[in-house]
Amino acid sequence: MKTVGYAAKSQGSELTEFAFERRDLRNNDVEIEILYCGVCHSDLHAVRNDWGGSRYPLVPGHEIVGKVKSVGSDVKKYKQGDTVAVGCMVDSCQSCDQCDNNEEQFCREGMVATYAGKDKKTGDMTQGGYSKHVVVREEFVLSVPKSLELSRVAPLLCAGITTYSPLHKWGVKKGSRVAVIGLGGLGHMAVKNAVAMGATVTVIGRSESKKEDAVELGAQHYLVSTNDDEMKKSQSTFDVIIDTVPVKHDLSIYTPLLDIDGALIIVGQIGPVEELNTVPLLMGRRQVAGSLIGGIAETQQMLDFCGENNVLPECEMINIDEINTAYERMEKSDVRYRFVIDMESLSA
């Protein structure tokens, strides 16, 4: 199947138009015409090979919303015209203990990423959602609630589930005390999800600059991490802290803020952290953990939850030919809070 997208042709190159082929439909495949694709910071890292291992040409994009164009003969759940979504993964072994437990992101054989992954049957590199069409096996296609504004759904497929999953796993509910470190693409979704769950939410920032935004998003409190007096007064006051900071930073200033049995969950940073003081962990049975997106069932649960509670990201719509400028702006945190590409702007 011939299609067109935007790709990085080599490390360090800008994204430009790229014609390529999708696989022919297998019996359990769904062909999707892409309407919107979110822009994730991971896209930028992959394009620039910041984590190593990137292969080119590379079509990014793992926050996909579209309409079903056709289905394979064995597909039961979807039909032509359905509104669907695809997130960060498009396949897994479907037979290991983690897949059986609806945790495909932890597949023992490794999940297949939506882009820059390896197709399990052909070995070809998967290409992402900065394109007109995508072909995905039925088990990794999600239903989009009709109540949601379609143009704003795409970032839920990464930022939404990345923050929903730890809140869900650590049992956040009405009355829970949740703090969110950082108020970017991930952080603002953590706030919205936690508020919708009934939690009392505090945003932690290095200055007062985002206090007004935090309140507009639903947070009840704002804590300045560089204010030693405020930080001391806030010790032992949170059940869960969601850490969305994407760069190396000191966790030891935050762990004392947790109450007994509290958890700080890292969702933003990949790689080494500053040296960690374990005293607060031992003295309060506190924990530092990490979390990676969510399984397909949990992602569908998240979409349904967002549909019921009208939880949507704050988005700025762009055309596909603005993507390189969007990357530059994203590096400067010059977006409130997620870019979404209108794929109608891509010529067929």
C-alpha atoms as a PDB file:
ATOM      1  CA  MET A   1       0.000   0.000   0.000  1.00  0.00           C
ATOM      2  CA  LYS A   2       1.563   3.288  -1.087  1.00  0.00           C
ATOM      3  CA  THR A   3       1.317   6.222   1.295  1.00  0.00           C
ATOM      4  CA  VAL A   4       3.149   9.418   2.158  1.00  0.00           C
ATOM      5  CA  GLY A   5       4.478  10.949   5.334  1.00  0.00           C
ATOM      6  CA  TYR A   6       7.206  13.125   6.816  1.00  0.00           C
ATOM      7  CA  ALA A   7      10.497  11.465   7.726  1.00  0.00           C
ATOM      8  CA  ALA A   8      13.980  12.176   8.992  1.00  0.00           C
ATOM      9  CA  LYS A   9      16.223  10.805   6.252  1.00  0.00           C
ATOM     10  CA  SER A  10      19.355  10.786   8.434  1.00  0.00           C
ATOM     11  CA  GLN A  11      20.515  11.762  11.903  1.00  0.00           C
ATOM     12  CA  GLY A  12      20.383  15.523  12.312  1.00  0.00           C
ATOM     13  CA  SER A  13      18.285  16.122   9.200  1.00  0.00           C
ATOM     14  CA  GLU A  14      15.006  17.994   9.183  1.00  0.00           C
ATOM     15  CA  LEU A  15      11.795  16.101   8.500  1.00  0.00           C
ATOM     16  CA  THR A  16      10.724  16.219   4.853  1.00  0.00           C
ATOM     17  CA  GLU A  17       8.051  14.567   2.720  1.00  0.00           C
ATOM     18  CA  PHE A  18       8.601  10.856   2.214  1.00  0.00           C
ATOM     19  CA  ALA A  19       6.759   8.336   0.030  1.00  0.00           C
ATOM     20  CA  PHE A  20       6.781   4.759   1.294  1.00  0.00           C
ATOM     21  CA  GLU A  21       4.719   1.563   1.448  1.00  0.00           C
ATOM     22  CA  ARG A  22       2.656   0.055   4.245  1.00  0.00           C
ATOM     23  CA  ARG A  23       2.251  -3.713   4.379  1.00  0.00           C
ATOM     24  CA  ASP A  24      -0.717  -5.368   2.719  1.00  0.00           C
ATOM     25  CA  LEU A  25      -3.530  -6.181   5.139  1.00  0.00           C
ATOM     26  CA  ARG A  26      -3.172  -9.437   7.023  1.00  0.00           C
ATOM     27  CA  ASN A  27      -6.311 -11.222   8.186  1.00  0.00           C
ATOM     28  CA  ASN A  28      -6.216  -9.515  11.611  1.00  0.00           C
ATOM     29  CA  ASP A  29      -5.161  -6.045  10.411  1.00  0.00           C
ATOM     30  CA  VAL A  30      -6.952  -2.713  10.458  1.00  0.00           C
ATOM     31  CA  GLU A  31      -6.110  -0.036   7.894  1.00  0.00           C
ATOM     32  CA  ILE A  32      -6.524   3.469   9.304  1.00  0.00           C
ATOM     33  CA  GLU A  33      -6.656   6.820   7.552  1.00  0.00           C
ATOM     34  CA  ILE A  34      -4.883   9.146   9.975  1.00  0.00           C
ATOM     35  CA  LEU A  35      -6.695  12.368  10.834  1.00  0.00           C
ATOM     36  CA  TYR A  36      -4.535  13.695  13.674  1.00  0.00           C
ATOM     37  CA  CYS A  37      -1.148  12.837  15.124  1.00  0.00           C
ATOM     38  CA  GLY A  38       0.295  14.208  18.336  1.00  0.00           C
ATOM     39  CA  VAL A  39       3.871  15.415  18.618  1.00  0.00           C
ATOM     40  CA  CYS A  40       5.759  13.840  21.517  1.00  0.00           C
ATOM     41  CA  HIS A  41       9.176  14.810  22.887  1.00  0.00           C
ATOM     42  CA  SER A  42      10.137  11.169  22.230  1.00  0.00           C
ATOM     43  CA  ASP A  43       9.718  11.873  18.504  1.00  0.00           C
ATOM     44  CA  LEU A  44      12.413  14.518  18.694  1.00  0.00           C
ATOM     45  CA  HIS A  45      14.759  12.231  20.637  1.00  0.00           C
ATOM     46  CA  ALA A  46      14.272   9.418  18.111  1.00  0.00           C
ATOM     47  CA  VAL A  47      14.791  11.689  15.099  1.00  0.00           C
ATOM     48  CA  ARG A  48      18.050  12.992  16.593  1.00  0.00           C
ATOM     49  CA  ASN A  49      19.147   9.547  17.815  1.00  0.00           C
ATOM     50  CA  ASP A  50      19.552  10.876  21.353  1.00  0.00           C
ATOM     51  CA  TRP A  51      19.013   7.396  22.806  1.00  0.00           C
ATOM     52  CA  GLY A  52      21.021   5.555  20.151  1.00  0.00           C
ATOM     53  CA  GLY A  53      19.826   2.857  17.764  1.00  0.00           C
ATOM     54  CA  SER A  54      17.685   5.007  15.462  1.00  0.00           C
ATOM     55  CA  ARG A  55      17.483   3.845  11.868  1.00  0.00           C
ATOM     56  CA  TYR A  56      16.584   5.991   8.884  1.00  0.00           C
ATOM     57  CA  PRO A  57      14.464   7.004   7.098  1.00  0.00           C
ATOM     58  CA  LEU A  58      12.310   7.368  10.211  1.00  0.00           C
ATOM     59  CA  VAL A  59       8.655   8.460  10.265  1.00  0.00           C
ATOM     60  CA  PRO A  60       7.831   9.466  13.879  1.00  0.00           C
ATOM     61  CA  GLY A  61       4.459   9.658  15.609  1.00  0.00           C
ATOM     62  CA  HIS A  62       2.823   7.380  18.191  1.00  0.00           C
ATOM     63  CA  GLU A  63      -0.268   9.404  19.106  1.00  0.00           C
ATOM     64  CA  ILE A  64      -2.611   8.503  16.263  1.00  0.00           C
ATOM     65  CA  VAL A  65      -6.303   9.161  15.722  1.00  0.00           C
ATOM     66  CA  GLY A  66      -8.145   8.250  12.539  1.00  0.00           C
ATOM     67  CA  LYS A  67     -10.937   6.444  10.716  1.00  0.00           C
ATOM     68  CA  VAL A  68     -10.985   2.785   9.730  1.00  0.00           C
ATOM     69  CA  LYS A  69     -10.572   2.500   5.980  1.00  0.00           C
ATOM     70  CA  SER A  70     -10.634  -1.301   5.651  1.00  0.00           C
ATOM     71  CA  VAL A  71     -10.197  -4.436   7.760  1.00  0.00           C
ATOM     72  CA  GLY A  72      -8.824  -7.940   7.336  1.00  0.00           C
ATOM     73  CA  SER A  73     -11.123 -10.947   7.038  1.00  0.00           C
ATOM     74  CA  ASP A  74     -10.710 -12.012  10.689  1.00  0.00           C
ATOM     75  CA  VAL A  75     -11.274  -8.592  12.271  1.00  0.00           C
ATOM     76  CA  LYS A  76     -14.367  -8.601  14.508  1.00  0.00           C
ATOM     77  CA  LYS A  77     -14.174  -5.447  16.614  1.00  0.00           C
ATOM     78  CA  TYR A  78     -13.884  -2.717  13.980  1.00  0.00           C
ATOM     79  CA  LYS A  79     -15.496  -1.819  10.693  1.00  0.00           C
ATOM     80  CA  GLN A  80     -15.052   0.781   7.980  1.00  0.00           C
ATOM     81  CA  GLY A  81     -15.784   4.292   9.250  1.00  0.00           C
ATOM     82  CA  ASP A  82     -15.114   3.641  12.947  1.00  0.00           C
ATOM     83  CA  THR A  83     -13.147   6.284  14.833  1.00  0.00           C
ATOM     84  CA  VAL A  84     -10.068   4.638  16.319  1.00  0.00           C
ATOM     85  CA  ALA A  85      -6.700   5.353  17.866  1.00  0.00           C
ATOM     86  CA  VAL A  86      -3.224   3.825  18.054  1.00  0.00           C
ATOM     87  CA  GLY A  87      -0.670   4.513  20.763  1.00  0.00           C
ATOM     88  CA  CYS A  88       2.997   3.720  21.377  1.00  0.00           C
ATOM     89  CA  MET A  89       2.968   0.040  20.396  1.00  0.00           C
ATOM     90  CA  VAL A  90       1.541  -2.021  17.554  1.00  0.00           C
ATOM     91  CA  ASP A  91       2.428  -5.600  18.466  1.00  0.00           C
ATOM     92  CA  SER A  92       3.793  -7.981  21.099  1.00  0.00           C
ATOM     93  CA  CYS A  93       4.217 -11.739  21.447  1.00  0.00           C
ATOM     94  CA  GLN A  94       0.657 -12.056  22.871  1.00  0.00           C
ATOM     95  CA  SER A  95       1.644 -15.226  24.750  1.00  0.00           C
ATOM     96  CA  CYS A  96       4.045 -14.393  27.613  1.00  0.00           C
ATOM     97  CA  ASP A  97       2.974 -13.798  31.218  1.00  0.00           C
ATOM     98  CA  GLN A  98       3.022 -10.017  30.772  1.00  0.00           C
ATOM     99  CA  CYS A  99       0.921 -10.054  27.607  1.00  0.00           C
ATOM    100  CA  ASP A 100      -1.488 -12.474  29.325  1.00  0.00           C
ATOM    101  CA  ASN A 101      -1.686  -9.927  32.160  1.00  0.00           C
ATOM    102  CA  ASN A 102      -2.607  -7.114  29.730  1.00  0.00           C
ATOM    103  CA  GLU A 103       0.808  -5.513  30.200  1.00  0.00           C
ATOM    104  CA  GLU A 104       2.008  -5.693  26.605  1.00  0.00           C
ATOM    105  CA  GLN A 105       4.414  -2.800  27.188  1.00  0.00           C
ATOM    106  CA  PHE A 106       6.472  -5.246  29.285  1.00  0.00           C
ATOM    107  CA  CYS A 107       6.295  -8.133  26.785  1.00  0.00           C
ATOM    108  CA  ARG A 108       9.104 -10.590  27.523  1.00  0.00           C
ATOM    109  CA  GLU A 109      10.043 -10.609  23.843  1.00  0.00           C
ATOM    110  CA  GLY A 110       9.807  -6.826  23.643  1.00  0.00           C
ATOM    111  CA  MET A 111       6.855  -4.827  22.415  1.00  0.00           C
ATOM    112  CA  VAL A 112       6.892  -3.569  18.829  1.00  0.00           C
ATOM    113  CA  ALA A 113       6.988   0.236  18.898  1.00  0.00           C
ATOM    114  CA  THR A 114       4.686   2.151  16.564  1.00  0.00           C
ATOM    115  CA  TYR A 115       7.729   3.617  14.865  1.00  0.00           C
ATOM    116  CA  ALA A 116      11.375   2.502  14.784  1.00  0.00           C
ATOM    117  CA  GLY A 117      10.218  -0.954  15.869  1.00  0.00           C
ATOM    118  CA  LYS A 118      10.706  -4.285  14.104  1.00  0.00           C
ATOM    119  CA  ASP A 119       7.739  -6.021  12.488  1.00  0.00           C
ATOM    120  CA  LYS A 120       7.480  -9.504  14.003  1.00  0.00           C
ATOM    121  CA  LYS A 121       6.770 -11.229  10.692  1.00  0.00           C
ATOM    122  CA  THR A 122       8.799  -9.324   8.115  1.00  0.00           C
ATOM    123  CA  GLY A 123      11.501  -7.703  10.228  1.00  0.00           C
ATOM    124  CA  ASP A 124      10.806  -4.389   8.479  1.00  0.00           C
ATOM    125  CA  MET A 125      11.063  -1.195  10.495  1.00  0.00           C
ATOM    126  CA  THR A 126       7.727   0.200  11.618  1.00  0.00           C
ATOM    127  CA  GLN A 127       6.862   3.747  10.595  1.00  0.00           C
ATOM    128  CA  GLY A 128       4.722   6.111  12.626  1.00  0.00           C
ATOM    129  CA  GLY A 129       1.808   8.476  12.430  1.00  0.00           C
ATOM    130  CA  TYR A 130       3.254  11.491  10.620  1.00  0.00           C
ATOM    131  CA  SER A 131       1.636   9.908   7.572  1.00  0.00           C
ATOM    132  CA  LYS A 132      -1.627   9.425   5.703  1.00  0.00           C
ATOM    133  CA  HIS A 133      -2.261   5.784   6.608  1.00  0.00           C
ATOM    134  CA  VAL A 134      -1.201   3.116   9.064  1.00  0.00           C
ATOM    135  CA  VAL A 135      -1.838  -0.637   9.242  1.00  0.00           C
ATOM    136  CA  VAL A 136      -2.104  -2.164  12.728  1.00  0.00           C
ATOM    137  CA  ARG A 137      -3.187  -5.563  14.063  1.00  0.00           C
ATOM    138  CA  GLU A 138      -6.652  -5.446  15.615  1.00  0.00           C
ATOM    139  CA  GLU A 139      -5.502  -6.127  19.185  1.00  0.00           C
ATOM    140  CA  PHE A 140      -3.568  -2.841  19.264  1.00  0.00           C
ATOM    141  CA  VAL A 141      -6.318  -0.602  17.900  1.00  0.00           C
ATOM    142  CA  LEU A 142      -8.372   1.422  20.396  1.00  0.00           C
ATOM    143  CA  SER A 143     -11.897   2.847  20.320  1.00  0.00           C
ATOM    144  CA  VAL A 144     -12.355   6.596  20.768  1.00  0.00           C
ATOM    145  CA  PRO A 145     -15.334   7.737  22.882  1.00  0.00           C
ATOM    146  CA  LYS A 146     -17.755   9.801  20.820  1.00  0.00           C
ATOM    147  CA  SER A 147     -17.978  12.433  23.563  1.00  0.00           C
ATOM    148  CA  LEU A 148     -14.368  13.566  23.079  1.00  0.00           C
ATOM    149  CA  GLU A 149     -13.319  16.413  20.778  1.00  0.00           C
ATOM    150  CA  LEU A 150     -11.479  14.412  18.130  1.00  0.00           C
ATOM    151  CA  SER A 151      -8.814  17.012  17.310  1.00  0.00           C
ATOM    152  CA  ARG A 152      -7.559  16.903  20.924  1.00  0.00           C
ATOM    153  CA  VAL A 153      -7.567  13.139  21.532  1.00  0.00           C
ATOM    154  CA  ALA A 154      -4.173  12.203  20.046  1.00  0.00           C
ATOM    155  CA  PRO A 155      -1.902  13.188  23.005  1.00  0.00           C
ATOM    156  CA  LEU A 156      -3.962  10.933  25.274  1.00  0.00           C
ATOM    157  CA  LEU A 157      -2.309   7.978  23.508  1.00  0.00           C
ATOM    158  CA  CYS A 158       1.058   8.807  25.080  1.00  0.00           C
ATOM    159  CA  ALA A 159       0.953  11.686  27.593  1.00  0.00           C
ATOM    160  CA  GLY A 160      -2.496  10.601  28.737  1.00  0.00           C
ATOM    161  CA  ILE A 161      -1.713   6.952  29.437  1.00  0.00           C
ATOM    162  CA  THR A 162       1.816   7.679  30.716  1.00  0.00           C
ATOM    163  CA  THR A 163       0.328   9.710  33.565  1.00  0.00           C
ATOM    164  CA  TYR A 164      -2.959   7.823  33.997  1.00  0.00           C
ATOM    165  CA  SER A 165      -1.252   4.446  34.484  1.00  0.00           C
ATOM    166  CA  PRO A 166       0.781   5.275  37.635  1.00  0.00           C
ATOM    167  CA  LEU A 167      -2.135   7.174  39.145  1.00  0.00           C
ATOM    168  CA  HIS A 168      -4.298   4.122  38.522  1.00  0.00           C
ATOM    169  CA  LYS A 169      -1.696   1.565  39.655  1.00  0.00           C
ATOM    170  CA  TRP A 170      -1.000   3.420  42.892  1.00  0.00           C
ATOM    171  CA  GLY A 171      -4.695   3.668  43.693  1.00  0.00           C
ATOM    172  CA  VAL A 172      -5.321   7.394  43.439  1.00  0.00           C
ATOM    173  CA  LYS A 173      -8.921   8.215  44.323  1.00  0.00           C
ATOM    174  CA  LYS A 174     -11.039  10.853  45.997  1.00  0.00           C
ATOM    175  CA  GLY A 175      -9.086  12.246  48.917  1.00  0.00           C
ATOM    176  CA  SER A 176      -5.659  11.142  47.650  1.00  0.00           C
ATOM    177  CA  ARG A 177      -2.932  13.758  47.911  1.00  0.00           C
ATOM    178  CA  VAL A 178      -1.045  13.978  44.628  1.00  0.00           C
ATOM    179  CA  ALA A 179       1.862  16.208  43.606  1.00  0.00           C
ATOM    180  CA  VAL A 180       3.038  16.704  40.036  1.00  0.00           C
ATOM    181  CA  ILE A 181       6.605  17.844  39.363  1.00  0.00           C
ATOM    182  CA  GLY A 182       6.785  19.825  36.141  1.00  0.00           C
ATOM    183  CA  LEU A 183       3.956  21.309  34.093  1.00  0.00           C
ATOM    184  CA  GLY A 184       4.656  20.413  30.490  1.00  0.00           C
ATOM    185  CA  GLY A 185       3.044  17.933  28.106  1.00  0.00           C
ATOM    186  CA  LEU A 186       3.123  15.113  30.653  1.00  0.00           C
ATOM    187  CA  GLY A 187       2.633  17.252  33.743  1.00  0.00           C
ATOM    188  CA  HIS A 188      -0.529  18.992  32.621  1.00  0.00           C
ATOM    189  CA  MET A 189      -2.109  15.606  31.807  1.00  0.00           C
ATOM    190  CA  ALA A 190      -1.081  14.267  35.226  1.00  0.00           C
ATOM    191  CA  VAL A 191      -2.878  17.221  36.813  1.00  0.00           C
ATOM    192  CA  LYS A 192      -6.020  16.740  34.737  1.00  0.00           C
ATOM    193  CA  ASN A 193      -6.172  12.992  35.338  1.00  0.00           C
ATOM    194  CA  ALA A 194      -5.547  13.283  39.082  1.00  0.00           C
ATOM    195  CA  VAL A 195      -8.160  16.029  39.467  1.00  0.00           C
ATOM    196  CA  ALA A 196     -10.708  13.907  37.572  1.00  0.00           C
ATOM    197  CA  MET A 197      -9.951  11.026  39.954  1.00  0.00           C
ATOM    198  CA  GLY A 198     -10.905  13.245  42.879  1.00  0.00           C
ATOM    199  CA  ALA A 199      -7.422  13.847  44.267  1.00  0.00           C
ATOM    200  CA  THR A 200      -6.180  17.006  45.932  1.00  0.00           C
ATOM    201  CA  VAL A 201      -3.471  18.110  43.508  1.00  0.00           C
ATOM    202  CA  THR A 202      -0.353  20.214  44.029  1.00  0.00           C
ATOM    203  CA  VAL A 203       1.973  21.283  41.215  1.00  0.00           C
ATOM    204  CA  ILE A 204       5.653  21.605  42.114  1.00  0.00           C
ATOM    205  CA  GLY A 205       7.711  24.080  40.080  1.00  0.00           C
ATOM    206  CA  ARG A 206      11.047  25.834  40.417  1.00  0.00           C
ATOM    207  CA  SER A 207       9.409  29.270  40.341  1.00  0.00           C
ATOM    208  CA  GLU A 208       5.984  30.913  40.540  1.00  0.00           C
ATOM    209  CA  SER A 209       5.838  31.251  36.742  1.00  0.00           C
ATOM    210  CA  LYS A 210       3.357  28.415  36.164  1.00  0.00           C
ATOM    211  CA  LYS A 211       1.187  28.896  39.220  1.00  0.00           C
ATOM    212  CA  GLU A 212      -1.651  30.544  37.300  1.00  0.00           C
ATOM    213  CA  ASP A 213      -1.614  27.775  34.669  1.00  0.00           C
ATOM    214  CA  ALA A 214      -1.642  25.108  37.386  1.00  0.00           C
ATOM    215  CA  VAL A 215      -4.748  26.599  38.969  1.00  0.00           C
ATOM    216  CA  GLU A 216      -6.485  26.904  35.574  1.00  0.00           C
ATOM    217  CA  LEU A 217      -5.815  23.194  34.986  1.00  0.00           C
ATOM    218  CA  GLY A 218      -7.488  22.311  38.276  1.00  0.00           C
ATOM    219  CA  ALA A 219      -4.633  22.075  40.781  1.00  0.00           C
ATOM    220  CA  GLN A 220      -5.592  23.282  44.250  1.00  0.00           C
ATOM    221  CA  HIS A 221      -2.067  24.106  45.421  1.00  0.00           C
ATOM    222  CA  TYR A 222       1.315  25.197  44.073  1.00  0.00           C
ATOM    223  CA  LEU A 223       4.683  24.537  45.697  1.00  0.00           C
ATOM    224  CA  VAL A 224       7.956  26.256  44.767  1.00  0.00           C
ATOM    225  CA  SER A 225      10.781  23.734  45.086  1.00  0.00           C
ATOM    226  CA  THR A 226      13.449  26.433  45.511  1.00  0.00           C
ATOM    227  CA  ASN A 227      11.666  27.831  48.582  1.00  0.00           C
ATOM    228  CA  ASP A 228      13.235  25.902  51.464  1.00  0.00           C
ATOM    229  CA  ASP A 229      10.613  27.016  53.996  1.00  0.00           C
ATOM    230  CA  GLU A 230       7.706  25.897  51.799  1.00  0.00           C
ATOM    231  CA  MET A 231       9.398  22.564  51.081  1.00  0.00           C
ATOM    232  CA  LYS A 232      10.013  21.940  54.777  1.00  0.00           C
ATOM    233  CA  LYS A 233       6.386  22.705  55.649  1.00  0.00           C
ATOM    234  CA  SER A 234       5.276  20.268  52.934  1.00  0.00           C
ATOM    235  CA  GLN A 235       7.174  17.252  54.250  1.00  0.00           C
ATOM    236  CA  SER A 236       5.096  14.063  54.649  1.00  0.00           C
ATOM    237  CA  THR A 237       2.067  15.550  52.891  1.00  0.00           C
ATOM    238  CA  PHE A 238       1.718  13.523  49.655  1.00  0.00           C
ATOM    239  CA  ASP A 239       0.628   9.970  48.913  1.00  0.00           C
ATOM    240  CA  VAL A 240       1.861  10.016  45.310  1.00  0.00           C
ATOM    241  CA  ILE A 241       4.252  12.264  43.421  1.00  0.00           C
ATOM    242  CA  ILE A 242       4.344  12.054  39.611  1.00  0.00           C
ATOM    243  CA  ASP A 243       7.746  13.230  38.375  1.00  0.00           C
ATOM    244  CA  THR A 244       7.543  14.419  34.763  1.00  0.00           C
ATOM    245  CA  VAL A 245      10.898  16.242  34.574  1.00  0.00           C
ATOM    246  CA  PRO A 246      12.678  15.000  31.404  1.00  0.00           C
ATOM    247  CA  VAL A 247      16.278  15.775  32.410  1.00  0.00           C
ATOM    248  CA  LYS A 248      18.672  14.649  35.136  1.00  0.00           C
ATOM    249  CA  HIS A 249      17.683  16.142  38.489  1.00  0.00           C
ATOM    250  CA  ASP A 250      17.887  15.653  42.251  1.00  0.00           C
ATOM    251  CA  LEU A 251      15.156  13.358  43.583  1.00  0.00           C
ATOM    252  CA  SER A 252      16.293  13.739  47.195  1.00  0.00           C
ATOM    253  CA  ILE A 253      14.586  17.115  47.600  1.00  0.00           C
ATOM    254  CA  TYR A 254      11.220  15.494  46.775  1.00  0.00           C
ATOM    255  CA  THR A 255      11.227  12.171  48.657  1.00  0.00           C
ATOM    256  CA  PRO A 256      10.778  13.827  52.096  1.00  0.00           C
ATOM    257  CA  LEU A 257       7.498  15.275  50.778  1.00  0.00           C
ATOM    258  CA  LEU A 258       5.994  11.773  50.692  1.00  0.00           C
ATOM    259  CA  ASP A 259       3.943  10.490  53.600  1.00  0.00           C
ATOM    260  CA  ILE A 260       4.503   7.005  55.040  1.00  0.00           C
ATOM    261  CA  ASP A 261       4.281   4.402  52.239  1.00  0.00           C
ATOM    262  CA  GLY A 262       4.189   7.185  49.659  1.00  0.00           C
ATOM    263  CA  ALA A 263       5.594   6.742  46.151  1.00  0.00           C
ATOM    264  CA  LEU A 264       7.464   9.025  43.789  1.00  0.00           C
ATOM    265  CA  ILE A 265       6.967   7.713  40.255  1.00  0.00           C
ATOM    266  CA  ILE A 266       9.298   8.774  37.459  1.00  0.00           C
ATOM    267  CA  VAL A 267       7.632   9.068  34.040  1.00  0.00           C
ATOM    268  CA  GLY A 268       9.719  11.772  32.369  1.00  0.00           C
ATOM    269  CA  GLN A 269      13.416  11.007  32.651  1.00  0.00           C
ATOM    270  CA  ILE A 270      15.294   8.189  30.958  1.00  0.00           C
ATOM    271  CA  GLY A 271      18.812   7.582  32.233  1.00  0.00           C
ATOM    272  CA  PRO A 272      20.970   8.338  35.288  1.00  0.00           C
ATOM    273  CA  VAL A 273      19.670  10.381  38.227  1.00  0.00           C
ATOM    274  CA  GLU A 274      21.536  12.426  40.792  1.00  0.00           C
ATOM    275  CA  GLU A 275      22.876  10.527  43.800  1.00  0.00           C
ATOM    276  CA  LEU A 276      19.885   9.588  45.954  1.00  0.00           C
ATOM    277  CA  ASN A 277      19.739  10.032  49.734  1.00  0.00           C
ATOM    278  CA  THR A 278      18.048   6.874  51.036  1.00  0.00           C
ATOM    279  CA  VAL A 279      17.292   8.164  54.557  1.00  0.00           C
ATOM    280  CA  PRO A 280      13.775   9.430  53.705  1.00  0.00           C
ATOM    281  CA  LEU A 281      13.035   6.095  51.992  1.00  0.00           C
ATOM    282  CA  LEU A 282      14.040   4.024  55.001  1.00  0.00           C
ATOM    283  CA  MET A 283      12.495   6.298  57.613  1.00  0.00           C
ATOM    284  CA  GLY A 284       9.102   6.428  55.912  1.00  0.00           C
ATOM    285  CA  ARG A 285       8.911   3.195  53.916  1.00  0.00           C
ATOM    286  CA  ARG A 286       8.759   5.482  50.910  1.00  0.00           C
ATOM    287  CA  GLN A 287       9.543   4.318  47.392  1.00  0.00           C
ATOM    288  CA  VAL A 288      10.909   5.644  44.119  1.00  0.00           C
ATOM    289  CA  ALA A 289       9.513   3.842  41.076  1.00  0.00           C
ATOM    290  CA  GLY A 290       9.221   4.176  37.326  1.00  0.00           C
ATOM    291  CA  SER A 291       6.291   3.672  34.956  1.00  0.00           C
ATOM    292  CA  LEU A 292       6.081   3.076  31.198  1.00  0.00           C
ATOM    293  CA  ILE A 293       2.855   3.917  29.307  1.00  0.00           C
ATOM    294  CA  GLY A 294       0.225   1.180  29.935  1.00  0.00           C
ATOM    295  CA  GLY A 295      -1.167  -1.977  28.395  1.00  0.00           C
ATOM    296  CA  ILE A 296      -3.860  -1.924  25.726  1.00  0.00           C
ATOM    297  CA  ALA A 297      -6.696  -2.698  28.170  1.00  0.00           C
ATOM    298  CA  GLU A 298      -5.558   0.064  30.523  1.00  0.00           C
ATOM    299  CA  THR A 299      -5.170   2.491  27.625  1.00  0.00           C
ATOM    300  CA  GLN A 300      -8.750   1.776  26.578  1.00  0.00           C
ATOM    301  CA  GLN A 301      -9.800   2.256  30.203  1.00  0.00           C
ATOM    302  CA  MET A 302      -8.012   5.617  30.172  1.00  0.00           C
ATOM    303  CA  LEU A 303      -9.786   6.713  26.988  1.00  0.00           C
ATOM    304  CA  ASP A 304     -13.148   5.711  28.441  1.00  0.00           C
ATOM    305  CA  PHE A 305     -12.314   7.545  31.688  1.00  0.00           C
ATOM    306  CA  CYS A 306     -11.399  10.675  29.726  1.00  0.00           C
ATOM    307  CA  GLY A 307     -14.622  10.373  27.746  1.00  0.00           C
ATOM    308  CA  GLU A 308     -16.702  10.124  30.914  1.00  0.00           C
ATOM    309  CA  ASN A 309     -14.916  13.042  32.585  1.00  0.00           C
ATOM    310  CA  ASN A 310     -14.155  15.197  29.524  1.00  0.00           C
ATOM    311  CA  VAL A 311     -10.416  15.060  30.190  1.00  0.00           C
ATOM    312  CA  LEU A 312      -8.502  16.403  27.191  1.00  0.00           C
ATOM    313  CA  PRO A 313      -5.043  17.892  26.688  1.00  0.00           C
ATOM    314  CA  GLU A 314      -4.421  21.530  25.877  1.00  0.00           C
ATOM    315  CA  CYS A 315      -3.362  21.498  22.217  1.00  0.00           C
ATOM    316  CA  GLU A 316      -1.983  23.708  19.495  1.00  0.00           C
ATOM    317  CA  MET A 317      -2.904  22.516  16.008  1.00  0.00           C
ATOM    318  CA  ILE A 318      -0.230  22.686  13.305  1.00  0.00           C
ATOM    319  CA  ASN A 319       0.156  21.695   9.669  1.00  0.00           C
ATOM    320  CA  ILE A 320       2.676  18.993   8.815  1.00  0.00           C
ATOM    321  CA  ASP A 321       5.017  21.473   7.081  1.00  0.00           C
ATOM    322  CA  GLU A 322       5.396  23.286  10.415  1.00  0.00           C
ATOM    323  CA  ILE A 323       6.843  20.242  12.189  1.00  0.00           C
ATOM    324  CA  ASN A 324      10.496  21.346  12.180  1.00  0.00           C
ATOM    325  CA  THR A 325       9.564  24.695  13.700  1.00  0.00           C
ATOM    326  CA  ALA A 326       7.403  22.842  16.223  1.00  0.00           C
ATOM    327  CA  TYR A 327      10.430  20.760  17.259  1.00  0.00           C
ATOM    328  CA  GLU A 328      12.443  23.937  17.816  1.00  0.00           C
ATOM    329  CA  ARG A 329       9.643  25.427  19.899  1.00  0.00           C
ATOM    330  CA  MET A 330       9.174  22.210  21.844  1.00  0.00           C
ATOM    331  CA  GLU A 331      12.842  22.295  22.886  1.00  0.00           C
ATOM    332  CA  LYS A 332      12.229  25.766  24.313  1.00  0.00           C
ATOM    333  CA  SER A 333       8.989  24.649  26.058  1.00  0.00           C
ATOM    334  CA  ASP A 334       7.167  27.113  23.804  1.00  0.00           C
ATOM    335  CA  VAL A 335       3.897  25.192  23.588  1.00  0.00           C
ATOM    336  CA  ARG A 336       0.803  24.937  25.809  1.00  0.00           C
ATOM    337  CA  TYR A 337       1.025  21.982  26.097  1.00  0.00           C
ATOM    338  CA  ARG A 338       1.027  19.628  23.125  1.00  0.00           C
ATOM    339  CA  PHE A 339       1.311  20.046  19.370  1.00  0.00           C
ATOM    340  CA  VAL A 340      -1.131  18.065  17.230  1.00  0.00           C
ATOM    341  CA  ILE A 341      -0.673  17.694  13.466  1.00  0.00           C
ATOM    342  CA  ASP A 342      -3.764  18.047  11.282  1.00  0.00           C
ATOM    343  CA  MET A 343      -2.951  15.303   8.796  1.00  0.00           C
ATOM    344  CA  GLU A 344      -5.319  16.794   6.235  1.00  0.00           C
ATOM    345  CA  SER A 345      -2.453  19.224   5.612  1.00  0.00           C
ATOM    346  CA  LEU A 346      -0.391  16.375   4.156  1.00  0.00           C
ATOM    347  CA  SER A 347      -0.858  15.951   0.419  1.00  0.00           C
ATOM    348  CA  ALA A 348      -1.890  12.475  -0.702  1.00  0.00           C
END
